[in-house]
C-alpha atoms as a PDB file:
ATOM      1  CA  MET A   1     173.835  69.593 133.847  1.00  0.00           C
ATOM      2  CA  ALA A   2     170.906  71.802 133.108  1.00  0.00           C
ATOM      3  CA  THR A   3     170.405  72.517 129.440  1.00  0.00           C
ATOM      4  CA  ILE A   4     170.811  76.081 128.278  1.00  0.00           C
ATOM      5  CA  PRO A   5     167.529  77.302 126.753  1.00  0.00           C
ATOM      6  CA  SER A   6     167.789  78.147 123.100  1.00  0.00           C
ATOM      7  CA  LEU A   7     167.578  81.733 122.007  1.00  0.00           C
ATOM      8  CA  PRO A   8     164.443  82.838 120.113  1.00  0.00           C
ATOM      9  CA  SER A   9     164.741  82.746 116.378  1.00  0.00           C
ATOM     10  CA  ARG A  10     164.708  85.793 114.150  1.00  0.00           C
ATOM     11  CA  ASP A  11     161.086  85.126 113.132  1.00  0.00           C
ATOM     12  CA  ASP A  12     160.028  84.905 116.773  1.00  0.00           C
ATOM     13  CA  VAL A  13     161.744  88.197 117.575  1.00  0.00           C
ATOM     14  CA  LEU A  14     160.086  89.903 114.596  1.00  0.00           C
ATOM     15  CA  ARG A  15     156.679  88.497 115.547  1.00  0.00           C
ATOM     16  CA  MET A  16     157.038  89.693 119.160  1.00  0.00           C
ATOM     17  CA  ALA A  17     158.164  93.116 117.953  1.00  0.00           C
ATOM     18  CA  ARG A  18     155.206  93.435 115.578  1.00  0.00           C
ATOM     19  CA  SER A  19     152.806  92.291 118.312  1.00  0.00           C
ATOM     20  CA  THR A  20     154.285  94.783 120.774  1.00  0.00           C
ATOM     21  CA  THR A  21     154.049  97.576 118.225  1.00  0.00           C
ATOM     22  CA  ASP A  22     150.448  96.687 117.406  1.00  0.00           C
ATOM     23  CA  ILE A  23     149.433  96.608 121.080  1.00  0.00           C
ATOM     24  CA  THR A  24     151.257  99.886 121.762  1.00  0.00           C
ATOM     25  CA  GLY A  25     149.477 101.529 118.835  1.00  0.00           C
ATOM     26  CA  GLN A  26     146.088 100.334 120.056  1.00  0.00           C
ATOM     27  CA  LEU A  27     146.836 101.637 123.562  1.00  0.00           C
ATOM     28  CA  LEU A  28     147.886 105.005 122.151  1.00  0.00           C
ATOM     29  CA  ASP A  29     144.733 105.176 120.016  1.00  0.00           C
ATOM     30  CA  THR A  30     142.624 104.326 123.065  1.00  0.00           C
ATOM     31  CA  ALA A  31     144.381 107.000 125.124  1.00  0.00           C
ATOM     32  CA  GLY A  32     143.769 109.508 122.341  1.00  0.00           C
ATOM     33  CA  ASN A  33     140.085 108.613 122.228  1.00  0.00           C
ATOM     34  CA  ILE A  34     139.797 109.017 125.997  1.00  0.00           C
ATOM     35  CA  THR A  35     141.566 112.379 125.753  1.00  0.00           C
ATOM     36  CA  ARG A  36     139.171 113.562 123.039  1.00  0.00           C
ATOM     37  CA  ILE A  37     136.187 112.396 125.104  1.00  0.00           C
ATOM     38  CA  ALA A  38     137.490 114.362 128.099  1.00  0.00           C
ATOM     39  CA  ILE A  39     138.089 117.457 125.955  1.00  0.00           C
ATOM     40  CA  ASN A  40     134.629 117.243 124.375  1.00  0.00           C
ATOM     41  CA  THR A  41     132.994 116.679 127.763  1.00  0.00           C
ATOM     42  CA  LEU A  42     134.848 119.401 129.604  1.00  0.00           C
ATOM     43  CA  ASP A  43     135.004 121.927 126.754  1.00  0.00           C
ATOM     44  CA  PRO A  44     135.765 125.242 128.467  1.00  0.00           C
ATOM     45  CA  ARG A  45     134.375 127.412 125.642  1.00  0.00           C
ATOM     46  CA  ASP A  46     130.832 127.570 126.999  1.00  0.00           C
ATOM     47  CA  GLY A  47     131.723 127.054 130.649  1.00  0.00           C
ATOM     48  CA  SER A  48     129.945 123.699 130.925  1.00  0.00           C
ATOM     49  CA  GLY A  49     133.129 121.826 131.786  1.00  0.00           C
ATOM     50  CA  ALA A  50     134.076 124.156 134.601  1.00  0.00           C
ATOM     51  CA  GLU A  51     130.534 124.022 135.961  1.00  0.00           C
ATOM     52  CA  ALA A  52     130.566 120.196 135.831  1.00  0.00           C
ATOM     53  CA  LEU A  53     133.853 120.149 137.750  1.00  0.00           C
ATOM     54  CA  ARG A  54     132.480 122.585 140.333  1.00  0.00           C
ATOM     55  CA  VAL A  55     129.385 120.422 140.810  1.00  0.00           C
ATOM     56  CA  LEU A  56     131.542 117.277 141.108  1.00  0.00           C
ATOM     57  CA  ARG A  57     133.842 118.969 143.641  1.00  0.00           C
ATOM     58  CA  ARG A  58     130.898 120.224 145.688  1.00  0.00           C
ATOM     59  CA  THR A  59     129.204 116.801 145.604  1.00  0.00           C
ATOM     60  CA  THR A  60     132.338 114.950 146.700  1.00  0.00           C
ATOM     61  CA  ALA A  61     132.896 117.493 149.466  1.00  0.00           C
ATOM     62  CA  ASP A  62     129.332 116.937 150.716  1.00  0.00           C
ATOM     63  CA  LEU A  63     129.852 113.163 150.616  1.00  0.00           C
ATOM     64  CA  ALA A  64     133.126 113.474 152.521  1.00  0.00           C
ATOM     65  CA  GLU A  65     131.456 115.616 155.175  1.00  0.00           C
ATOM     66  CA  ALA A  66     128.503 113.213 155.431  1.00  0.00           C
ATOM     67  CA  SER A  67     130.810 110.184 155.781  1.00  0.00           C
ATOM     68  CA  ALA A  68     132.533 111.874 158.730  1.00  0.00           C
ATOM     69  CA  SER A  69     129.286 112.413 160.633  1.00  0.00           C
ATOM     70  CA  PRO A  70     128.634 110.367 163.816  1.00  0.00           C
ATOM     71  CA  GLN A  71     125.664 108.590 162.195  1.00  0.00           C
ATOM     72  CA  ALA A  72     127.745 107.423 159.227  1.00  0.00           C
ATOM     73  CA  GLN A  73     130.619 106.342 161.466  1.00  0.00           C
ATOM     74  CA  GLU A  74     128.206 104.338 163.620  1.00  0.00           C
ATOM     75  CA  ALA A  75     126.775 102.643 160.511  1.00  0.00           C
ATOM     76  CA  PHE A  76     130.276 101.781 159.240  1.00  0.00           C
ATOM     77  CA  TYR A  77     131.225 100.423 162.655  1.00  0.00           C
ATOM     78  CA  ARG A  78     128.160  98.172 162.730  1.00  0.00           C
ATOM     79  CA  MET A  79     128.849  96.870 159.221  1.00  0.00           C
ATOM     80  CA  VAL A  80     132.454  95.976 160.117  1.00  0.00           C
ATOM     81  CA  GLU A  81     131.331  94.395 163.385  1.00  0.00           C
ATOM     82  CA  THR A  82     128.738  92.254 161.574  1.00  0.00           C
ATOM     83  CA  LEU A  83     131.268  91.092 158.985  1.00  0.00           C
ATOM     84  CA  THR A  84     133.748  90.271 161.776  1.00  0.00           C
ATOM     85  CA  ARG A  85     131.146  88.180 163.619  1.00  0.00           C
ATOM     86  CA  LEU A  86     130.274  86.314 160.429  1.00  0.00           C
ATOM     87  CA  GLY A  87     133.918  85.594 159.696  1.00  0.00           C
ATOM     88  CA  ALA A  88     134.665  84.456 163.270  1.00  0.00           C
ATOM     89  CA  GLY A  89     131.573  82.224 163.560  1.00  0.00           C
ATOM     90  CA  GLY A  90     131.657  78.447 163.620  1.00  0.00           C
ATOM     91  CA  THR A  91     130.121  78.103 160.133  1.00  0.00           C
ATOM     92  CA  PRO A  92     131.802  80.133 157.397  1.00  0.00           C
ATOM     93  CA  VAL A  93     129.552  82.115 155.100  1.00  0.00           C
ATOM     94  CA  SER A  94     130.976  80.306 152.080  1.00  0.00           C
ATOM     95  CA  GLU A  95     129.756  76.853 153.181  1.00  0.00           C
ATOM     96  CA  PRO A  96     126.004  77.599 152.769  1.00  0.00           C
ATOM     97  CA  ALA A  97     126.764  79.245 149.441  1.00  0.00           C
ATOM     98  CA  GLN A  98     128.726  76.195 148.284  1.00  0.00           C
ATOM     99  CA  ALA A  99     125.909  73.884 149.390  1.00  0.00           C
ATOM    100  CA  LEU A 100     123.376  76.028 147.543  1.00  0.00           C
ATOM    101  CA  LEU A 101     125.470  75.994 144.364  1.00  0.00           C
ATOM    102  CA  THR A 102     125.876  72.212 144.608  1.00  0.00           C
ATOM    103  CA  VAL A 103     122.127  71.666 144.949  1.00  0.00           C
ATOM    104  CA  LEU A 104     121.386  74.076 142.112  1.00  0.00           C
ATOM    105  CA  GLY A 105     123.946  72.400 139.876  1.00  0.00           C
ATOM    106  CA  GLU A 106     122.637  68.908 140.539  1.00  0.00           C
ATOM    107  CA  ASN A 107     118.990  69.840 139.995  1.00  0.00           C
ATOM    108  CA  LEU A 108     119.068  72.611 137.407  1.00  0.00           C
ATOM    109  CA  LEU A 109     121.616  71.321 134.911  1.00  0.00           C
ATOM    110  CA  PRO A 110     119.341  68.509 133.599  1.00  0.00           C
ATOM    111  CA  VAL A 111     116.476  70.986 133.319  1.00  0.00           C
ATOM    112  CA  LEU A 112     118.649  73.458 131.431  1.00  0.00           C
ATOM    113  CA  ASP A 113     119.811  70.730 129.050  1.00  0.00           C
ATOM    114  CA  ALA A 114     116.180  69.803 128.387  1.00  0.00           C
ATOM    115  CA  VAL A 115     114.923  73.328 127.724  1.00  0.00           C
ATOM    116  CA  GLU A 116     117.956  74.556 125.780  1.00  0.00           C
ATOM    117  CA  PRO A 117     116.505  73.747 122.306  1.00  0.00           C
ATOM    118  CA  ALA A 118     113.235  75.462 123.172  1.00  0.00           C
ATOM    119  CA  VAL A 119     115.075  78.521 124.483  1.00  0.00           C
ATOM    120  CA  GLU A 120     117.185  78.734 121.320  1.00  0.00           C
ATOM    121  CA  GLU A 121     114.078  78.472 119.137  1.00  0.00           C
ATOM    122  CA  PHE A 122     112.316  81.106 121.232  1.00  0.00           C
ATOM    123  CA  ALA A 123     115.312  83.435 120.918  1.00  0.00           C
ATOM    124  CA  ALA A 124     115.338  82.985 117.134  1.00  0.00           C
ATOM    125  CA  VAL A 125     111.602  83.699 116.861  1.00  0.00           C
ATOM    126  CA  LEU A 126     111.968  86.691 119.177  1.00  0.00           C
ATOM    127  CA  GLY A 127     114.716  88.080 116.957  1.00  0.00           C
ATOM    128  CA  GLU A 128     112.507  87.695 113.890  1.00  0.00           C
ATOM    129  CA  LEU A 129     109.656  89.427 115.740  1.00  0.00           C
ATOM    130  CA  VAL A 130     111.887  92.350 116.723  1.00  0.00           C
ATOM    131  CA  GLU A 131     113.143  92.673 113.165  1.00  0.00           C
ATOM    132  CA  ALA A 132     109.584  92.569 111.799  1.00  0.00           C
ATOM    133  CA  THR A 133     108.380  95.244 114.228  1.00  0.00           C
ATOM    134  CA  SER A 134     111.390  97.517 113.697  1.00  0.00           C
ATOM    135  CA  PRO A 135     109.363  99.992 111.535  1.00  0.00           C
ATOM    136  CA  LEU A 136     107.265 100.737 114.622  1.00  0.00           C
ATOM    137  CA  LEU A 137     110.306 101.667 116.741  1.00  0.00           C
ATOM    138  CA  PRO A 138     110.572 105.308 115.529  1.00  0.00           C
ATOM    139  CA  ALA A 139     106.902 105.902 116.267  1.00  0.00           C
ATOM    140  CA  GLY A 140     107.290 104.318 119.697  1.00  0.00           C
ATOM    141  CA  ALA A 141     110.366 106.429 120.419  1.00  0.00           C
ATOM    142  CA  GLY A 142     108.517 109.595 119.386  1.00  0.00           C
ATOM    143  CA  LEU A 143     105.566 108.676 121.566  1.00  0.00           C
ATOM    144  CA  ALA A 144     107.871 107.989 124.526  1.00  0.00           C
ATOM    145  CA  ALA A 145     109.631 111.326 123.995  1.00  0.00           C
ATOM    146  CA  GLY A 146     106.275 113.117 123.847  1.00  0.00           C
ATOM    147  CA  LEU A 147     105.110 111.465 127.062  1.00  0.00           C
ATOM    148  CA  ALA A 148     108.385 112.366 128.777  1.00  0.00           C
ATOM    149  CA  LEU A 149     108.024 115.994 127.718  1.00  0.00           C
ATOM    150  CA  ALA A 150     104.426 115.987 128.927  1.00  0.00           C
ATOM    151  CA  LEU A 151     105.500 114.630 132.318  1.00  0.00           C
ATOM    152  CA  VAL A 152     108.217 117.246 132.853  1.00  0.00           C
ATOM    153  CA  PRO A 153     105.811 119.987 134.122  1.00  0.00           C
ATOM    154  CA  VAL A 154     104.040 117.499 136.382  1.00  0.00           C
ATOM    155  CA  LEU A 155     107.300 116.296 137.910  1.00  0.00           C
ATOM    156  CA  ARG A 156     108.562 119.861 138.326  1.00  0.00           C
ATOM    157  CA  ALA A 157     105.346 120.862 140.106  1.00  0.00           C
ATOM    158  CA  ALA A 158     105.535 117.758 142.322  1.00  0.00           C
ATOM    159  CA  ALA A 159     109.152 118.565 143.214  1.00  0.00           C
ATOM    160  CA  GLU A 160     108.200 122.120 144.145  1.00  0.00           C
ATOM    161  CA  VAL A 161     105.309 120.915 146.311  1.00  0.00           C
ATOM    162  CA  LEU A 162     107.506 118.394 148.112  1.00  0.00           C
ATOM    163  CA  ARG A 163     110.254 120.970 148.590  1.00  0.00           C
ATOM    164  CA  ASP A 164     107.795 123.435 150.113  1.00  0.00           C
ATOM    165  CA  SER A 165     106.258 120.723 152.293  1.00  0.00           C
ATOM    166  CA  ALA A 166     109.505 119.489 153.856  1.00  0.00           C
ATOM    167  CA  PRO A 167     108.409 120.198 157.495  1.00  0.00           C
ATOM    168  CA  GLU A 168     105.155 118.336 156.998  1.00  0.00           C
ATOM    169  CA  LEU A 169     107.020 115.410 155.436  1.00  0.00           C
ATOM    170  CA  HIS A 170     109.312 115.270 158.472  1.00  0.00           C
ATOM    171  CA  ARG A 171     106.272 115.192 160.739  1.00  0.00           C
ATOM    172  CA  VAL A 172     104.761 112.353 158.676  1.00  0.00           C
ATOM    173  CA  ALA A 173     108.012 110.391 158.808  1.00  0.00           C
ATOM    174  CA  ASP A 174     108.301 110.863 162.569  1.00  0.00           C
ATOM    175  CA  ALA A 175     104.703 109.782 163.106  1.00  0.00           C
ATOM    176  CA  VAL A 176     105.126 106.673 160.948  1.00  0.00           C
ATOM    177  CA  THR A 177     108.375 105.751 162.715  1.00  0.00           C
ATOM    178  CA  THR A 178     106.789 106.213 166.144  1.00  0.00           C
ATOM    179  CA  THR A 179     103.839 104.049 165.128  1.00  0.00           C
ATOM    180  CA  VAL A 180     105.682 101.270 163.309  1.00  0.00           C
ATOM    181  CA  THR A 181     108.672 100.766 165.619  1.00  0.00           C
ATOM    182  CA  PRO A 182     106.701  99.189 168.533  1.00  0.00           C
ATOM    183  CA  LEU A 183     104.960  96.847 166.095  1.00  0.00           C
ATOM    184  CA  ILE A 184     108.131  95.283 164.674  1.00  0.00           C
ATOM    185  CA  PRO A 185     108.660  92.685 167.476  1.00  0.00           C
ATOM    186  CA  LEU A 186     104.982  91.714 167.325  1.00  0.00           C
ATOM    187  CA  GLN A 187     105.176  91.340 163.555  1.00  0.00           C
ATOM    188  CA  ALA A 188     108.264  89.160 163.882  1.00  0.00           C
ATOM    189  CA  ALA A 189     106.494  86.861 166.356  1.00  0.00           C
ATOM    190  CA  LEU A 190     103.423  86.663 164.141  1.00  0.00           C
ATOM    191  CA  ALA A 191     105.602  85.942 161.106  1.00  0.00           C
ATOM    192  CA  GLU A 192     107.299  83.102 162.979  1.00  0.00           C
ATOM    193  CA  ARG A 193     103.940  81.600 163.953  1.00  0.00           C
ATOM    194  CA  ALA A 194     102.643  82.003 160.400  1.00  0.00           C
ATOM    195  CA  ALA A 195     105.757  80.300 159.026  1.00  0.00           C
ATOM    196  CA  ALA A 196     105.288  77.360 161.404  1.00  0.00           C
ATOM    197  CA  ALA A 197     101.593  77.045 160.510  1.00  0.00           C
ATOM    198  CA  GLY A 198     102.414  77.292 156.809  1.00  0.00           C
ATOM    199  CA  ALA A 199     105.051  74.575 157.107  1.00  0.00           C
ATOM    200  CA  ASP A 200     102.595  72.250 158.861  1.00  0.00           C
ATOM    201  CA  LEU A 201      99.951  72.994 156.224  1.00  0.00           C
ATOM    202  CA  ALA A 202     102.408  72.299 153.422  1.00  0.00           C
ATOM    203  CA  ARG A 203     103.426  68.974 154.977  1.00  0.00           C
ATOM    204  CA  ALA A 204      99.762  67.982 155.269  1.00  0.00           C
ATOM    205  CA  THR A 205      98.705  69.031 151.763  1.00  0.00           C
ATOM    206  CA  LEU A 206     101.712  67.897 149.710  1.00  0.00           C
ATOM    207  CA  PRO A 207     100.674  64.170 149.669  1.00  0.00           C
ATOM    208  CA  ALA A 208      97.155  65.074 148.533  1.00  0.00           C
ATOM    209  CA  LEU A 209      98.569  67.458 145.937  1.00  0.00           C
ATOM    210  CA  ALA A 210     100.838  64.701 144.633  1.00  0.00           C
ATOM    211  CA  ASP A 211      97.865  62.314 144.328  1.00  0.00           C
ATOM    212  CA  LEU A 212      95.835  65.015 142.556  1.00  0.00           C
ATOM    213  CA  THR A 213      98.681  65.728 140.148  1.00  0.00           C
ATOM    214  CA  GLU A 214      99.089  62.059 139.300  1.00  0.00           C
ATOM    215  CA  ALA A 215      95.338  61.735 138.699  1.00  0.00           C
ATOM    216  CA  ALA A 216      95.338  64.831 136.488  1.00  0.00           C
ATOM    217  CA  ALA A 217      98.279  63.452 134.495  1.00  0.00           C
ATOM    218  CA  THR A 218      96.468  60.147 134.004  1.00  0.00           C
ATOM    219  CA  SER A 219      93.303  61.929 132.887  1.00  0.00           C
ATOM    220  CA  ALA A 220      95.277  64.124 130.498  1.00  0.00           C
ATOM    221  CA  LYS A 221      96.848  61.050 128.905  1.00  0.00           C
ATOM    222  CA  ALA A 222      93.392  59.527 128.489  1.00  0.00           C
ATOM    223  CA  VAL A 223      91.827  62.574 126.823  1.00  0.00           C
ATOM    224  CA  ARG A 224      94.882  63.494 124.757  1.00  0.00           C
ATOM    225  CA  PRO A 225      93.488  61.965 121.517  1.00  0.00           C
ATOM    226  CA  VAL A 226      90.264  63.958 121.940  1.00  0.00           C
ATOM    227  CA  LEU A 227      92.214  67.172 122.482  1.00  0.00           C
ATOM    228  CA  VAL A 228      94.397  66.523 119.446  1.00  0.00           C
ATOM    229  CA  ALA A 229      91.318  65.821 117.317  1.00  0.00           C
ATOM    230  CA  GLY A 230      89.683  69.030 118.523  1.00  0.00           C
ATOM    231  CA  GLU A 231      92.809  71.051 117.741  1.00  0.00           C
ATOM    232  CA  GLU A 232      93.009  69.548 114.267  1.00  0.00           C
ATOM    233  CA  LEU A 233      89.337  70.379 113.696  1.00  0.00           C
ATOM    234  CA  LEU A 234      89.874  73.967 114.849  1.00  0.00           C
ATOM    235  CA  VAL A 235      92.924  74.414 112.613  1.00  0.00           C
ATOM    236  CA  ALA A 236      91.063  72.945 109.655  1.00  0.00           C
ATOM    237  CA  GLY A 237      88.163  75.334 110.254  1.00  0.00           C
ATOM    238  CA  LEU A 238      90.550  78.297 110.353  1.00  0.00           C
ATOM    239  CA  GLU A 239      92.137  77.154 107.105  1.00  0.00           C
ATOM    240  CA  GLN A 240      88.685  76.966 105.500  1.00  0.00           C
ATOM    241  CA  LEU A 241      87.785  80.460 106.774  1.00  0.00           C
ATOM    242  CA  GLN A 242      91.088  82.020 105.754  1.00  0.00           C
ATOM    243  CA  PRO A 243      90.042  82.993 102.169  1.00  0.00           C
ATOM    244  CA  ALA A 244      86.813  84.568 103.403  1.00  0.00           C
ATOM    245  CA  LEU A 245      88.642  86.462 106.155  1.00  0.00           C
ATOM    246  CA  LEU A 246      91.260  87.740 103.698  1.00  0.00           C
ATOM    247  CA  ALA A 247      88.573  88.842 101.244  1.00  0.00           C
ATOM    248  CA  GLY A 248      86.676  90.618 103.999  1.00  0.00           C
ATOM    249  CA  ALA A 249      89.835  92.388 105.186  1.00  0.00           C
ATOM    250  CA  ALA A 250      90.663  93.501 101.633  1.00  0.00           C
ATOM    251  CA  HIS A 251      87.120  94.799 101.100  1.00  0.00           C
ATOM    252  CA  ALA A 252      87.211  96.660 104.433  1.00  0.00           C
ATOM    253  CA  GLY A 253      90.527  98.220 103.431  1.00  0.00           C
ATOM    254  CA  ARG A 254      89.137  99.440 100.098  1.00  0.00           C
ATOM    255  CA  VAL A 255      86.065 100.898 101.792  1.00  0.00           C
ATOM    256  CA  ALA A 256      88.256 102.652 104.371  1.00  0.00           C
ATOM    257  CA  ARG A 257      90.493 104.142 101.674  1.00  0.00           C
ATOM    258  CA  ALA A 258      87.482 105.345  99.667  1.00  0.00           C
ATOM    259  CA  THR A 259      85.935 106.912 102.766  1.00  0.00           C
ATOM    260  CA  ALA A 260      89.198 108.617 103.635  1.00  0.00           C
ATOM    261  CA  VAL A 261      89.493 110.089 100.112  1.00  0.00           C
ATOM    262  CA  ARG A 262      85.929 111.394 100.199  1.00  0.00           C
ATOM    263  CA  VAL A 263      86.312 112.900 103.671  1.00  0.00           C
ATOM    264  CA  SER A 264      89.606 114.522 102.631  1.00  0.00           C
ATOM    265  CA  ALA A 265      87.959 115.964  99.529  1.00  0.00           C
ATOM    266  CA  VAL A 266      85.119 117.440 101.611  1.00  0.00           C
ATOM    267  CA  VAL A 267      87.337 118.849 104.380  1.00  0.00           C
ATOM    268  CA  SER A 268      90.146 120.120 102.126  1.00  0.00           C
ATOM    269  CA  PRO A 269      88.717 120.681  98.639  1.00  0.00           C
ATOM    270  CA  SER A 270      91.196 120.943  95.796  1.00  0.00           C
ATOM    271  CA  GLY A 271      92.099 124.297  94.297  1.00  0.00           C
ATOM    272  CA  GLU A 272      91.011 123.077  90.841  1.00  0.00           C
ATOM    273  CA  ARG A 273      87.207 123.360  90.883  1.00  0.00           C
ATOM    274  CA  GLY A 274      86.702 121.389  87.660  1.00  0.00           C
ATOM    275  CA  VAL A 275      88.203 118.156  88.930  1.00  0.00           C
ATOM    276  CA  VAL A 276      85.943 115.597  90.615  1.00  0.00           C
ATOM    277  CA  VAL A 277      87.466 112.560  92.290  1.00  0.00           C
ATOM    278  CA  ALA A 278      85.292 109.467  92.531  1.00  0.00           C
ATOM    279  CA  VAL A 279      86.456 106.210  94.088  1.00  0.00           C
ATOM    280  CA  ALA A 280      84.308 103.111  93.887  1.00  0.00           C
ATOM    281  CA  ALA A 281      84.722 100.313  96.407  1.00  0.00           C
ATOM    282  CA  GLY A 282      85.310  97.070  94.524  1.00  0.00           C
END
């Protein structure tokens, strides 16, 4: 005989009830937030909501009318026909994709395992760099906003010119289409010949490239101690020059501050005539 499943205990029932209540409350809060967003977006007090709805209705009506045109119907028909041919062909579309994923998995996973520590270190350093440069973000945002405002008149003028030149643009498009369309078969044939020549060239040069790479690797191994010694010498020289560079930077900063104070005093003299400010560069 089949065993009768035991009924849930009182604690299980209470836990399910609390979980259901919690989820229901979160759903109600989410629905309230969505409702407030809709009310704030479509606030009828200034008419913006009604205008947005009118624009949305007009846009969807235009899209519906465009989708019913003979050109759109022909495009849809060709898309469905192409998908039908692909599905009814001898080789399913999924098989090349599966083969590609298999090759990528076999070849890329070891590479990803090898570079993972470097990527993590790079991400950490990048985060520190972003945090260090965060004081510059407001200035960059202000500059971007200023550039955008400066571009608004240019873009408006360009839009007006293009709108007024619509017939000429149609003539240009027709001329380009008439010129380019006969060249497409020729370009396809030339591309096929170029691909064949490139494949033959690659087959001929890959062995020589492999030999050159092996020779370069051998040479690099031979000169590695010299390179390391040169790098150590360069770093040591920079460490020796560091105090002098810091002192020079500090002196330049003091001179710049003193010059700025003097120029400010000359351009905008103080209201108190009896006060003289003198700054000496140390």
